[in-house]
C-alpha atoms as a PDB file:
ATOM      1  CA  MET A   1      53.565  12.868  -8.836  1.00  0.00           C
ATOM      2  CA  LEU A   2      53.440  13.629 -12.588  1.00  0.00           C
ATOM      3  CA  ARG A   3      50.715  16.059 -14.007  1.00  0.00           C
ATOM      4  CA  ALA A   4      50.482  16.930 -17.468  1.00  0.00           C
ATOM      5  CA  THR A   5      50.192  20.978 -18.055  1.00  0.00           C
ATOM      6  CA  GLU A   6      49.706  23.285 -20.750  1.00  0.00           C
ATOM      7  CA  GLY A   7      53.716  23.297 -22.399  1.00  0.00           C
ATOM      8  CA  GLY A   8      55.088  20.298 -20.137  1.00  0.00           C
ATOM      9  CA  VAL A   9      54.732  18.277 -17.307  1.00  0.00           C
ATOM     10  CA  THR A  10      54.953  18.829 -13.218  1.00  0.00           C
ATOM     11  CA  LEU A  11      56.471  16.876 -11.353  1.00  0.00           C
ATOM     12  CA  ALA A  12      56.426  16.489  -7.469  1.00  0.00           C
ATOM     13  CA  VAL A  13      59.537  16.019  -5.639  1.00  0.00           C
ATOM     14  CA  ARG A  14      60.768  14.909  -2.140  1.00  0.00           C
ATOM     15  CA  ALA A  15      64.299  16.472  -1.865  1.00  0.00           C
ATOM     16  CA  GLN A  16      66.883  14.527   0.750  1.00  0.00           C
ATOM     17  CA  PRO A  17      69.530  17.118   0.804  1.00  0.00           C
ATOM     18  CA  GLY A  18      73.352  16.350   2.044  1.00  0.00           C
ATOM     19  CA  ALA A  19      73.277  12.842   0.654  1.00  0.00           C
ATOM     20  CA  LYS A  20      76.462  11.023  -0.103  1.00  0.00           C
ATOM     21  CA  LYS A  21      75.390  11.140  -4.222  1.00  0.00           C
ATOM     22  CA  THR A  22      72.407  12.587  -6.250  1.00  0.00           C
ATOM     23  CA  ALA A  23      69.990   9.967  -7.272  1.00  0.00           C
ATOM     24  CA  ILE A  24      66.657   8.730  -7.218  1.00  0.00           C
ATOM     25  CA  ILE A  25      65.814   6.911  -4.303  1.00  0.00           C
ATOM     26  CA  GLY A  26      62.433   5.875  -4.763  1.00  0.00           C
ATOM     27  CA  VAL A  27      58.774   6.913  -4.227  1.00  0.00           C
ATOM     28  CA  TYR A  28      57.274   9.047  -1.055  1.00  0.00           C
ATOM     29  CA  GLY A  29      53.740   8.946  -0.184  1.00  0.00           C
ATOM     30  CA  GLU A  30      51.000   6.959  -2.338  1.00  0.00           C
ATOM     31  CA  GLY A  31      48.406   7.866  -4.792  1.00  0.00           C
ATOM     32  CA  ALA A  32      47.571  11.146  -5.951  1.00  0.00           C
ATOM     33  CA  SER A  33      49.723  12.835  -3.201  1.00  0.00           C
ATOM     34  CA  ALA A  34      52.903  10.404  -4.018  1.00  0.00           C
ATOM     35  CA  GLN A  35      56.252  12.519  -4.831  1.00  0.00           C
ATOM     36  CA  LEU A  36      59.613  11.187  -6.242  1.00  0.00           C
ATOM     37  CA  LYS A  37      62.258  10.504  -3.607  1.00  0.00           C
ATOM     38  CA  VAL A  38      65.683  12.130  -4.737  1.00  0.00           C
ATOM     39  CA  ALA A  39      68.516  12.248  -2.641  1.00  0.00           C
ATOM     40  CA  VAL A  40      70.664  15.315  -3.386  1.00  0.00           C
ATOM     41  CA  GLN A  41      74.410  15.667  -2.639  1.00  0.00           C
ATOM     42  CA  ALA A  42      74.314  19.418  -1.935  1.00  0.00           C
ATOM     43  CA  PRO A  43      73.633  20.875   1.390  1.00  0.00           C
ATOM     44  CA  PRO A  44      70.135  22.797   1.678  1.00  0.00           C
ATOM     45  CA  VAL A  45      72.191  26.464   2.229  1.00  0.00           C
ATOM     46  CA  GLU A  46      71.770  29.148  -0.381  1.00  0.00           C
ATOM     47  CA  GLY A  47      69.949  27.216  -2.837  1.00  0.00           C
ATOM     48  CA  ARG A  48      72.419  24.960  -3.389  1.00  0.00           C
ATOM     49  CA  ALA A  49      70.155  21.822  -3.323  1.00  0.00           C
ATOM     50  CA  ASN A  50      67.394  23.421  -5.637  1.00  0.00           C
ATOM     51  CA  SER A  51      70.135  24.106  -8.131  1.00  0.00           C
ATOM     52  CA  ALA A  52      71.706  20.647  -7.846  1.00  0.00           C
ATOM     53  CA  LEU A  53      67.822  19.357  -8.377  1.00  0.00           C
ATOM     54  CA  ILE A  54      67.173  21.467 -11.724  1.00  0.00           C
ATOM     55  CA  ALA A  55      70.439  20.402 -13.083  1.00  0.00           C
ATOM     56  CA  PHE A  56      69.333  16.596 -12.282  1.00  0.00           C
ATOM     57  CA  LEU A  57      66.102  16.894 -13.285  1.00  0.00           C
ATOM     58  CA  ALA A  58      67.361  18.668 -16.398  1.00  0.00           C
ATOM     59  CA  GLU A  59      69.927  15.779 -17.027  1.00  0.00           C
ATOM     60  CA  THR A  60      67.633  12.931 -16.412  1.00  0.00           C
ATOM     61  CA  PHE A  61      64.528  14.555 -18.654  1.00  0.00           C
ATOM     62  CA  ALA A  62      67.353  15.657 -21.750  1.00  0.00           C
ATOM     63  CA  LEU A  63      65.907  18.927 -21.130  1.00  0.00           C
ATOM     64  CA  PRO A  64      68.342  22.519 -20.929  1.00  0.00           C
ATOM     65  CA  LYS A  65      68.672  23.618 -17.253  1.00  0.00           C
ATOM     66  CA  ASN A  66      66.015  27.073 -18.380  1.00  0.00           C
ATOM     67  CA  LYS A  67      63.285  24.577 -19.207  1.00  0.00           C
ATOM     68  CA  VAL A  68      63.183  23.093 -15.476  1.00  0.00           C
ATOM     69  CA  GLU A  69      61.834  25.785 -12.738  1.00  0.00           C
ATOM     70  CA  ILE A  70      60.462  25.342  -9.163  1.00  0.00           C
ATOM     71  CA  VAL A  71      56.958  25.832  -9.256  1.00  0.00           C
ATOM     72  CA  SER A  72      56.409  25.604  -5.477  1.00  0.00           C
ATOM     73  CA  GLY A  73      57.952  24.596  -2.448  1.00  0.00           C
ATOM     74  CA  GLU A  74      61.426  26.588  -2.759  1.00  0.00           C
ATOM     75  CA  LEU A  75      62.538  26.271   0.848  1.00  0.00           C
ATOM     76  CA  SER A  76      60.573  22.836   1.536  1.00  0.00           C
ATOM     77  CA  ARG A  77      61.756  19.470   1.098  1.00  0.00           C
ATOM     78  CA  SER A  78      58.517  18.865  -1.091  1.00  0.00           C
ATOM     79  CA  LYS A  79      58.661  20.712  -4.181  1.00  0.00           C
ATOM     80  CA  VAL A  80      56.987  20.783  -7.337  1.00  0.00           C
ATOM     81  CA  PHE A  81      58.832  21.404 -10.748  1.00  0.00           C
ATOM     82  CA  MET A  82      57.656  22.175 -14.155  1.00  0.00           C
ATOM     83  CA  LEU A  83      59.472  20.394 -16.882  1.00  0.00           C
ATOM     84  CA  ARG A  84      58.747  22.397 -20.320  1.00  0.00           C
ATOM     85  CA  GLY A  85      58.956  20.675 -23.586  1.00  0.00           C
ATOM     86  CA  VAL A  86      58.545  16.893 -22.299  1.00  0.00           C
ATOM     87  CA  SER A  87      55.402  15.336 -22.713  1.00  0.00           C
ATOM     88  CA  PHE A  88      53.338  13.542 -20.174  1.00  0.00           C
ATOM     89  CA  ALA A  89      54.288  10.091 -22.017  1.00  0.00           C
ATOM     90  CA  GLN A  90      57.564  10.642 -22.824  1.00  0.00           C
ATOM     91  CA  ALA A  91      58.411  11.794 -18.848  1.00  0.00           C
ATOM     92  CA  LYS A  92      56.198   8.723 -17.582  1.00  0.00           C
ATOM     93  CA  VAL A  93      58.365   6.537 -19.817  1.00  0.00           C
ATOM     94  CA  ILE A  94      61.811   8.096 -18.305  1.00  0.00           C
ATOM     95  CA  LEU A  95      60.255   7.442 -14.573  1.00  0.00           C
ATOM     96  CA  ALA A  96      59.205   4.253 -15.094  1.00  0.00           C
ATOM     97  CA  GLN A  97      62.977   3.323 -16.335  1.00  0.00           C
ATOM     98  CA  LEU A  98      64.622   4.738 -13.504  1.00  0.00           C
ATOM     99  CA  GLN A  99      62.538   3.157 -11.006  1.00  0.00           C
ATOM    100  CA  ARG A 100      63.589  -0.453 -12.186  1.00  0.00           C
END
């Protein structure tokens, strides 16, 4: 779900739009194909859920919104985000704290 790349990390996310609140709700899948499952309050209309996910991930990883971008899956529930300016080690620690 988390991979180191030049300039940051990529994070695989499984979105669940239309939820009561935006929050991490677990892990979807196993092994190399695992994705962070995130409930998103915004509906999947006109990019609102994507915008909400970007804002949520930016806040979660203490990044400006312009450092979080969708690499793939813009129209899918399964997405990959690029988080620029965060190291693999930092991201791993943050995710471990959130999944407790």
